[in-house]
Amino acid sequence: MLRTAIMALNEKARKPTGNKYLFICNEPLWYQVGQVLETYLAQYHTDGTFMWSMKANDYVSVGAKGFDTYNWQGNQVSFIVDRALTYEYPGKGYGIALDLTGDKTSAQPPIACFTLKGGDMMTSYLKGVGGLSGLESGEVSTPVAGAKRVMWGYSSIAVFNPYRSYVLREI
């Protein structure tokens, strides 16, 4: 499944090598990716220190800290786990693969963040008894002796090449 996704991304890329692909996974897919890469490393012995390494106290550590990036046929493939996808798609593997290779002709990034003009960061206050300092008199919004600061803003992201993406869903 991972090879199919990577090959589909590669078919849409400008060139077959030198690309950066990011897989955003829910937890079930994240564990499946770890299992697949663990099996691959064990089967093909691509890294001798993966299976064991001797500590200073002569104990043996088994396993890996995790897999987040590997190179496949000249392309960098990274994985991150996002709990928001786990909440939306629980129980079965789900992920989104994006091509994060930057455009060499224009300086346009593959993904960018946008906000409303003047709406990127706003601060509001909820004044209680004592005002903002705790010792002021005047109008209050709550009978609680204290104040609250609320910071918020508008933002959104844009994927400039959505056709250079791939959705993985376990059936």
C-alpha atoms as a PDB file:
ATOM      1  CA  MET A   1       0.000   0.000   0.000  1.00  0.00           C
ATOM      2  CA  LEU A   2       2.830   2.419   0.856  1.00  0.00           C
ATOM      3  CA  ARG A   3       4.667   1.671  -2.371  1.00  0.00           C
ATOM      4  CA  THR A   4       1.464   2.222  -4.348  1.00  0.00           C
ATOM      5  CA  ALA A   5       0.953   5.610  -2.655  1.00  0.00           C
ATOM      6  CA  ILE A   6       4.581   6.641  -3.214  1.00  0.00           C
ATOM      7  CA  MET A   7       4.475   5.550  -6.870  1.00  0.00           C
ATOM      8  CA  ALA A   8       1.233   7.512  -7.390  1.00  0.00           C
ATOM      9  CA  LEU A   9       2.867  10.607  -5.896  1.00  0.00           C
ATOM     10  CA  ASN A  10       5.933  10.019  -8.038  1.00  0.00           C
ATOM     11  CA  GLU A  11       3.852   9.825 -11.233  1.00  0.00           C
ATOM     12  CA  LYS A  12       2.491  13.307 -10.484  1.00  0.00           C
ATOM     13  CA  ALA A  13       5.853  14.802  -9.480  1.00  0.00           C
ATOM     14  CA  ARG A  14       7.996  16.903 -11.796  1.00  0.00           C
ATOM     15  CA  LYS A  15      10.852  14.403 -11.606  1.00  0.00           C
ATOM     16  CA  PRO A  16      11.170  10.830 -10.310  1.00  0.00           C
ATOM     17  CA  THR A  17      13.809  11.535  -7.623  1.00  0.00           C
ATOM     18  CA  GLY A  18      14.617  14.264  -5.120  1.00  0.00           C
ATOM     19  CA  ASN A  19      11.035  14.620  -3.875  1.00  0.00           C
ATOM     20  CA  LYS A  20       9.863  15.063  -0.281  1.00  0.00           C
ATOM     21  CA  TYR A  21       6.686  13.216   0.633  1.00  0.00           C
ATOM     22  CA  LEU A  22       4.856  13.572   3.944  1.00  0.00           C
ATOM     23  CA  PHE A  23       2.338  11.036   5.235  1.00  0.00           C
ATOM     24  CA  ILE A  24       0.053  12.418   7.947  1.00  0.00           C
ATOM     25  CA  CYS A  25      -1.369   9.337   9.689  1.00  0.00           C
ATOM     26  CA  ASN A  26      -3.915   8.489  12.327  1.00  0.00           C
ATOM     27  CA  GLU A  27      -2.686   6.180  15.101  1.00  0.00           C
ATOM     28  CA  PRO A  28      -3.753   2.842  13.535  1.00  0.00           C
ATOM     29  CA  LEU A  29      -1.910   3.679  10.284  1.00  0.00           C
ATOM     30  CA  TRP A  30       1.073   4.984  12.271  1.00  0.00           C
ATOM     31  CA  TYR A  31       1.388   1.607  14.027  1.00  0.00           C
ATOM     32  CA  GLN A  32       1.005  -0.234  10.716  1.00  0.00           C
ATOM     33  CA  VAL A  33       3.793   1.867   9.161  1.00  0.00           C
ATOM     34  CA  GLY A  34       6.045   1.030  12.119  1.00  0.00           C
ATOM     35  CA  GLN A  35       5.265  -2.656  11.757  1.00  0.00           C
ATOM     36  CA  VAL A  36       5.933  -2.651   7.996  1.00  0.00           C
ATOM     37  CA  LEU A  37       9.266  -0.838   8.357  1.00  0.00           C
ATOM     38  CA  GLU A  38      10.262  -3.020  11.316  1.00  0.00           C
ATOM     39  CA  THR A  39       9.588  -6.148   9.262  1.00  0.00           C
ATOM     40  CA  TYR A  40      11.436  -4.713   6.266  1.00  0.00           C
ATOM     41  CA  LEU A  41      14.533  -3.894   8.308  1.00  0.00           C
ATOM     42  CA  ALA A  42      14.498  -7.287  10.018  1.00  0.00           C
ATOM     43  CA  GLN A  43      13.973  -9.195   6.755  1.00  0.00           C
ATOM     44  CA  TYR A  44      16.563  -7.389   4.652  1.00  0.00           C
ATOM     45  CA  HIS A  45      19.048  -6.550   7.437  1.00  0.00           C
ATOM     46  CA  THR A  46      19.482  -3.016   6.176  1.00  0.00           C
ATOM     47  CA  ASP A  47      20.676  -1.745   9.554  1.00  0.00           C
ATOM     48  CA  GLY A  48      22.681  -4.005  11.868  1.00  0.00           C
ATOM     49  CA  THR A  49      22.169  -1.812  14.937  1.00  0.00           C
ATOM     50  CA  PHE A  50      18.393  -1.857  14.600  1.00  0.00           C
ATOM     51  CA  MET A  51      17.969  -5.279  16.176  1.00  0.00           C
ATOM     52  CA  TRP A  52      20.366  -4.836  19.059  1.00  0.00           C
ATOM     53  CA  SER A  53      22.952  -2.532  20.511  1.00  0.00           C
ATOM     54  CA  MET A  54      25.112  -3.087  23.572  1.00  0.00           C
ATOM     55  CA  LYS A  55      24.726  -0.527  26.346  1.00  0.00           C
ATOM     56  CA  ALA A  56      27.527   0.477  28.680  1.00  0.00           C
ATOM     57  CA  ASN A  57      26.151  -1.806  31.416  1.00  0.00           C
ATOM     58  CA  ASP A  58      26.285  -4.900  29.161  1.00  0.00           C
ATOM     59  CA  TYR A  59      22.519  -5.009  28.742  1.00  0.00           C
ATOM     60  CA  VAL A  60      21.100  -5.339  25.255  1.00  0.00           C
ATOM     61  CA  SER A  61      18.488  -2.896  23.937  1.00  0.00           C
ATOM     62  CA  VAL A  62      16.060  -4.369  21.448  1.00  0.00           C
ATOM     63  CA  GLY A  63      13.948  -2.344  19.024  1.00  0.00           C
ATOM     64  CA  ALA A  64      13.987   1.092  17.513  1.00  0.00           C
ATOM     65  CA  LYS A  65      12.945   4.455  18.854  1.00  0.00           C
ATOM     66  CA  GLY A  66      10.614   4.859  15.914  1.00  0.00           C
ATOM     67  CA  PHE A  67      10.474   5.441  12.204  1.00  0.00           C
ATOM     68  CA  ASP A  68       9.687   8.890  10.921  1.00  0.00           C
ATOM     69  CA  THR A  69      11.696   9.292   7.708  1.00  0.00           C
ATOM     70  CA  TYR A  70      13.264   6.961   5.209  1.00  0.00           C
ATOM     71  CA  ASN A  71      14.583   7.211   1.666  1.00  0.00           C
ATOM     72  CA  TRP A  72      12.967   5.191  -1.070  1.00  0.00           C
ATOM     73  CA  GLN A  73      14.349   5.275  -4.600  1.00  0.00           C
ATOM     74  CA  GLY A  74      15.864   8.721  -4.192  1.00  0.00           C
ATOM     75  CA  ASN A  75      12.826  10.275  -2.493  1.00  0.00           C
ATOM     76  CA  GLN A  76      12.528  11.316   1.143  1.00  0.00           C
ATOM     77  CA  VAL A  77       9.403   9.846   2.754  1.00  0.00           C
ATOM     78  CA  SER A  78       8.371  11.122   6.207  1.00  0.00           C
ATOM     79  CA  PHE A  79       5.585  10.039   8.534  1.00  0.00           C
ATOM     80  CA  ILE A  80       3.903  11.946  11.352  1.00  0.00           C
ATOM     81  CA  VAL A  81       1.020  10.908  13.535  1.00  0.00           C
ATOM     82  CA  ASP A  82      -1.855  13.323  14.115  1.00  0.00           C
ATOM     83  CA  ARG A  83      -4.360  12.559  16.837  1.00  0.00           C
ATOM     84  CA  ALA A  84      -6.977  14.763  15.137  1.00  0.00           C
ATOM     85  CA  LEU A  85      -7.130  12.157  12.342  1.00  0.00           C
ATOM     86  CA  THR A  86      -7.482   9.437  14.980  1.00  0.00           C
ATOM     87  CA  TYR A  87     -10.502  11.221  16.454  1.00  0.00           C
ATOM     88  CA  GLU A  88     -12.088  11.664  13.013  1.00  0.00           C
ATOM     89  CA  TYR A  89     -11.186   8.202  11.679  1.00  0.00           C
ATOM     90  CA  PRO A  90     -10.876   5.822  14.654  1.00  0.00           C
ATOM     91  CA  GLY A  91     -10.267   2.102  14.441  1.00  0.00           C
ATOM     92  CA  LYS A  92      -8.898   1.783  10.912  1.00  0.00           C
ATOM     93  CA  GLY A  93      -5.829   3.198   9.229  1.00  0.00           C
ATOM     94  CA  TYR A  94      -6.257   6.586   7.560  1.00  0.00           C
ATOM     95  CA  GLY A  95      -3.690   8.983   6.198  1.00  0.00           C
ATOM     96  CA  ILE A  96      -2.999  11.777   3.776  1.00  0.00           C
ATOM     97  CA  ALA A  97       0.165  11.844   1.676  1.00  0.00           C
ATOM     98  CA  LEU A  98       1.397  15.214   0.405  1.00  0.00           C
ATOM     99  CA  ASP A  99       4.193  16.141  -1.958  1.00  0.00           C
ATOM    100  CA  LEU A 100       6.194  18.791  -0.101  1.00  0.00           C
ATOM    101  CA  THR A 101       8.756  19.276  -2.843  1.00  0.00           C
ATOM    102  CA  GLY A 102       9.225  23.006  -3.333  1.00  0.00           C
ATOM    103  CA  ASP A 103       8.714  24.600  -6.730  1.00  0.00           C
ATOM    104  CA  LYS A 104      12.125  25.402  -8.196  1.00  0.00           C
ATOM    105  CA  THR A 105      10.891  27.958 -10.761  1.00  0.00           C
ATOM    106  CA  SER A 106       8.830  30.118  -8.417  1.00  0.00           C
ATOM    107  CA  ALA A 107       9.421  30.568  -4.717  1.00  0.00           C
ATOM    108  CA  GLN A 108       5.920  29.296  -3.933  1.00  0.00           C
ATOM    109  CA  PRO A 109       5.893  26.742  -1.108  1.00  0.00           C
ATOM    110  CA  PRO A 110       3.808  23.575  -1.471  1.00  0.00           C
ATOM    111  CA  ILE A 111       1.718  24.536   1.600  1.00  0.00           C
ATOM    112  CA  ALA A 112       1.148  27.989   3.096  1.00  0.00           C
ATOM    113  CA  CYS A 113      -0.768  29.520   5.990  1.00  0.00           C
ATOM    114  CA  PHE A 114      -3.129  32.471   5.461  1.00  0.00           C
ATOM    115  CA  THR A 115      -5.047  34.788   7.757  1.00  0.00           C
ATOM    116  CA  LEU A 116      -7.487  37.664   7.489  1.00  0.00           C
ATOM    117  CA  LYS A 117      -5.825  41.078   7.385  1.00  0.00           C
ATOM    118  CA  GLY A 118      -5.453  42.191  11.004  1.00  0.00           C
ATOM    119  CA  GLY A 119      -7.024  38.935  12.215  1.00  0.00           C
ATOM    120  CA  ASP A 120      -3.916  36.882  12.836  1.00  0.00           C
ATOM    121  CA  MET A 121      -3.807  37.566  16.595  1.00  0.00           C
ATOM    122  CA  MET A 122      -6.400  39.387  18.671  1.00  0.00           C
ATOM    123  CA  THR A 123      -6.517  39.862  22.443  1.00  0.00           C
ATOM    124  CA  SER A 124      -9.661  40.416  24.513  1.00  0.00           C
ATOM    125  CA  TYR A 125     -10.157  40.706  28.255  1.00  0.00           C
ATOM    126  CA  LEU A 126     -12.930  39.519  30.541  1.00  0.00           C
ATOM    127  CA  LYS A 127     -12.842  41.810  33.600  1.00  0.00           C
ATOM    128  CA  GLY A 128     -13.973  40.528  36.944  1.00  0.00           C
ATOM    129  CA  VAL A 129     -14.242  42.307  40.281  1.00  0.00           C
ATOM    130  CA  GLY A 130     -10.983  44.224  40.694  1.00  0.00           C
ATOM    131  CA  GLY A 131     -10.441  44.705  36.950  1.00  0.00           C
ATOM    132  CA  LEU A 132      -7.279  43.636  35.142  1.00  0.00           C
ATOM    133  CA  SER A 133      -4.912  44.523  37.986  1.00  0.00           C
ATOM    134  CA  GLY A 134      -7.138  43.087  40.734  1.00  0.00           C
ATOM    135  CA  LEU A 135      -7.384  46.467  42.496  1.00  0.00           C
ATOM    136  CA  GLU A 136      -9.449  48.554  40.045  1.00  0.00           C
ATOM    137  CA  SER A 137     -13.004  49.821  40.397  1.00  0.00           C
ATOM    138  CA  GLY A 138     -15.396  50.063  37.495  1.00  0.00           C
ATOM    139  CA  GLU A 139     -17.462  48.003  35.109  1.00  0.00           C
ATOM    140  CA  VAL A 140     -17.131  44.218  35.340  1.00  0.00           C
ATOM    141  CA  SER A 141     -18.246  41.352  33.112  1.00  0.00           C
ATOM    142  CA  THR A 142     -18.350  38.680  35.810  1.00  0.00           C
ATOM    143  CA  PRO A 143     -18.779  38.705  39.614  1.00  0.00           C
ATOM    144  CA  VAL A 144     -15.640  36.572  39.953  1.00  0.00           C
ATOM    145  CA  ALA A 145     -12.687  38.396  41.521  1.00  0.00           C
ATOM    146  CA  GLY A 146     -10.204  38.066  38.691  1.00  0.00           C
ATOM    147  CA  ALA A 147      -9.673  38.613  34.999  1.00  0.00           C
ATOM    148  CA  LYS A 148      -9.217  36.489  31.942  1.00  0.00           C
ATOM    149  CA  ARG A 149      -7.292  37.214  28.770  1.00  0.00           C
ATOM    150  CA  VAL A 150      -8.507  35.551  25.571  1.00  0.00           C
ATOM    151  CA  MET A 151      -6.159  35.393  22.591  1.00  0.00           C
ATOM    152  CA  TRP A 152      -7.442  34.139  19.272  1.00  0.00           C
ATOM    153  CA  GLY A 153      -7.094  34.585  15.565  1.00  0.00           C
ATOM    154  CA  TYR A 154      -8.042  33.383  12.124  1.00  0.00           C
ATOM    155  CA  SER A 155      -5.848  31.138  10.035  1.00  0.00           C
ATOM    156  CA  SER A 156      -6.136  28.546   7.320  1.00  0.00           C
ATOM    157  CA  ILE A 157      -3.817  26.551   5.131  1.00  0.00           C
ATOM    158  CA  ALA A 158      -3.711  26.093   1.404  1.00  0.00           C
ATOM    159  CA  VAL A 159      -2.192  23.178  -0.475  1.00  0.00           C
ATOM    160  CA  PHE A 160      -1.090  24.624  -3.797  1.00  0.00           C
ATOM    161  CA  ASN A 161      -0.838  21.301  -5.622  1.00  0.00           C
ATOM    162  CA  PRO A 162      -3.699  19.187  -4.240  1.00  0.00           C
ATOM    163  CA  TYR A 163      -3.510  16.854  -7.237  1.00  0.00           C
ATOM    164  CA  ARG A 164      -0.041  15.850  -5.963  1.00  0.00           C
ATOM    165  CA  SER A 165      -1.505  14.127  -2.921  1.00  0.00           C
ATOM    166  CA  TYR A 166      -2.839  10.708  -2.013  1.00  0.00           C
ATOM    167  CA  VAL A 167      -5.389   9.536   0.568  1.00  0.00           C
ATOM    168  CA  LEU A 168      -4.913   6.169   2.289  1.00  0.00           C
ATOM    169  CA  ARG A 169      -7.892   4.492   3.927  1.00  0.00           C
ATOM    170  CA  GLU A 170      -8.072   1.025   5.396  1.00  0.00           C
ATOM    171  CA  ILE A 171     -11.150  -0.882   4.290  1.00  0.00           C
END
